[in-house]
Protein backbone atom coordinates (compact mmCIF):
# COMPACT_ATOMS: atom_id res chain seq x y z
CA MET A 1 -4.49 12.88 -4.75
CA ASN A 2 -2.71 9.63 -5.31
CA ILE A 3 -5.38 6.89 -5.41
CA GLN A 4 -4.46 3.21 -5.52
CA ILE A 5 -7.29 0.74 -6.15
CA HIS A 6 -6.91 -2.98 -5.49
CA ALA A 7 -9.54 -5.62 -6.31
CA GLN A 8 -9.61 -9.13 -4.84
CA ASP A 9 -11.51 -12.05 -6.36
CA PHE A 10 -12.91 -10.09 -9.34
CA ALA A 11 -11.79 -7.97 -12.28
CA LEU A 12 -11.53 -4.22 -11.78
CA THR A 13 -13.36 -2.53 -14.66
CA GLU A 14 -12.66 0.97 -15.93
CA GLY A 15 -16.18 2.06 -14.93
CA LEU A 16 -15.62 0.87 -11.38
CA ARG A 17 -12.25 2.63 -11.25
CA GLU A 18 -13.83 5.90 -12.46
CA HIS A 19 -16.68 5.57 -9.95
CA VAL A 20 -14.22 5.20 -7.05
CA ALA A 21 -12.13 8.16 -8.21
CA ARG A 22 -15.19 10.38 -8.73
CA ARG A 23 -16.76 9.54 -5.35
CA LEU A 24 -13.50 10.08 -3.45
CA ALA A 25 -12.77 13.35 -5.23
CA TYR A 26 -16.23 14.61 -4.26
CA ALA A 27 -16.09 13.38 -0.65
CA LEU A 28 -12.52 14.51 0.08
CA ASN A 29 -12.26 17.72 -1.96
CA HIS A 30 -11.97 19.96 1.12
CA GLY A 31 -8.96 18.08 2.52
CA GLN A 32 -6.87 17.60 -0.59
CA ASP A 33 -3.96 19.59 0.82
CA ILE A 34 -3.35 17.17 3.74
CA VAL A 35 -4.15 13.89 1.96
CA SER A 36 -0.97 12.24 0.73
CA ARG A 37 -2.30 8.87 -0.48
CA ILE A 38 -5.52 6.88 -0.66
CA VAL A 39 -5.63 3.09 -0.86
CA VAL A 40 -8.96 1.47 -1.79
CA ARG A 41 -9.43 -2.28 -1.39
CA LEU A 42 -12.47 -3.86 -3.04
CA SER A 43 -13.35 -7.48 -2.38
CA ASP A 44 -16.09 -10.07 -2.75
CA VAL A 45 -16.05 -11.81 0.62
CA ASN A 46 -18.27 -14.82 -0.15
CA GLY A 47 -17.29 -15.19 -3.79
CA PRO A 48 -19.93 -16.80 -6.01
CA ARG A 49 -22.20 -17.76 -3.09
CA GLY A 50 -23.83 -14.30 -3.06
CA GLY A 51 -25.22 -12.35 -0.16
CA VAL A 52 -24.24 -9.10 1.54
CA ASP A 53 -20.58 -9.54 0.87
CA LYS A 54 -19.12 -6.75 -1.27
CA ARG A 55 -16.56 -4.90 0.83
CA CYS A 56 -14.93 -1.52 0.25
CA GLY A 57 -12.05 -0.53 2.51
CA ILE A 58 -10.57 2.96 2.25
CA GLU A 59 -7.32 3.99 3.93
CA ILE A 60 -6.43 7.68 3.77
CA ARG A 61 -2.86 8.66 4.61
CA LEU A 62 -2.66 12.19 5.97
CA LYS A 63 0.33 14.51 6.25
CA GLY A 64 1.38 15.06 9.84
CA THR A 65 -1.16 12.80 11.53
CA SER A 66 -2.35 9.21 11.67
CA ALA A 67 -4.21 7.51 8.85
CA VAL A 68 -8.00 7.24 8.53
CA ALA A 69 -9.42 3.77 7.81
CA ILE A 70 -13.03 3.15 6.76
CA GLU A 71 -14.70 -0.12 5.76
CA ASP A 72 -18.22 -0.88 4.53
CA THR A 73 -19.96 -4.06 3.37
CA GLU A 74 -23.08 -4.11 1.17
CA ALA A 75 -24.83 -6.40 -1.31
CA ASP A 76 -23.97 -3.96 -4.13
CA LEU A 77 -20.33 -2.91 -4.61
CA TYR A 78 -21.29 0.57 -5.84
CA ALA A 79 -23.36 1.13 -2.68
CA ALA A 80 -20.44 -0.01 -0.52
CA ILE A 81 -18.14 2.44 -2.32
CA ASP A 82 -20.63 5.30 -1.92
CA ARG A 83 -21.18 4.71 1.80
CA ALA A 84 -17.47 4.24 2.53
CA ALA A 85 -16.57 7.42 0.61
CA ASP A 86 -19.25 9.43 2.45
CA ARG A 87 -18.06 8.13 5.82
CA ALA A 88 -14.44 8.88 4.87
CA GLY A 89 -15.41 12.47 4.04
CA ARG A 90 -17.18 12.96 7.37
CA THR A 91 -14.27 11.42 9.26
CA LEU A 92 -11.82 13.71 7.47
CA ASP A 93 -14.04 16.70 8.37
CA ARG A 94 -13.91 15.74 12.06
CA ARG A 95 -10.15 15.27 11.91
CA LEU A 96 -9.67 18.69 10.28
CA SER A 97 -11.93 20.45 12.79
CA ARG A 98 -10.02 18.89 15.70
CA ARG A 99 -6.78 20.08 14.14
CA ARG A 100 -8.14 23.64 14.02
CA GLU A 101 -9.45 23.47 17.60
CA PHE A 102 -6.37 21.88 19.12
CA PRO A 103 -3.31 22.77 17.04
CA VAL A 104 -0.28 20.60 17.69
CA VAL A 105 2.73 22.41 19.10
CA SER A 106 6.00 20.74 18.26
CA MET A 107 8.39 20.07 21.12
CA SER A 108 11.12 22.20 19.52
CA ARG A 109 8.87 25.29 19.50
CA GLN A 110 7.71 25.05 23.10
CA GLN A 111 9.05 27.53 25.63
CA PRO A 112 11.43 26.08 28.19
CA LEU A 113 10.01 25.54 31.64
CA PRO A 114 11.10 28.16 34.21
CA ALA A 115 13.75 26.97 36.63
CA GLU A 116 12.43 25.87 39.98
CA ALA A 117 13.11 28.22 42.87
CA GLU A 118 15.23 26.56 45.49
């Protein structure tokens, strides 16, 4: 998995980077074959004022289908990462199960319609 981590308004430490990578690897391990790229955006919304303002946004690019976007805001950045990663894993599970239930048939592989009787 190609994971890109971006931090706004604070320094991204190595421990934080490892935590994000570990949580995403655990949450998304069953869908690694269809995940092409993951972009994680971490930010401190209120800056030094404090409050429930640590945001973690996760965008998962999938092969052959639309992207999955998850966002969570908590007082603790690690909690926001954990919740967003868990939600991303559940969303990916739903997306995979729908793919198995309703496989997509490409237009080139469909059978031609029978000619109308005149």
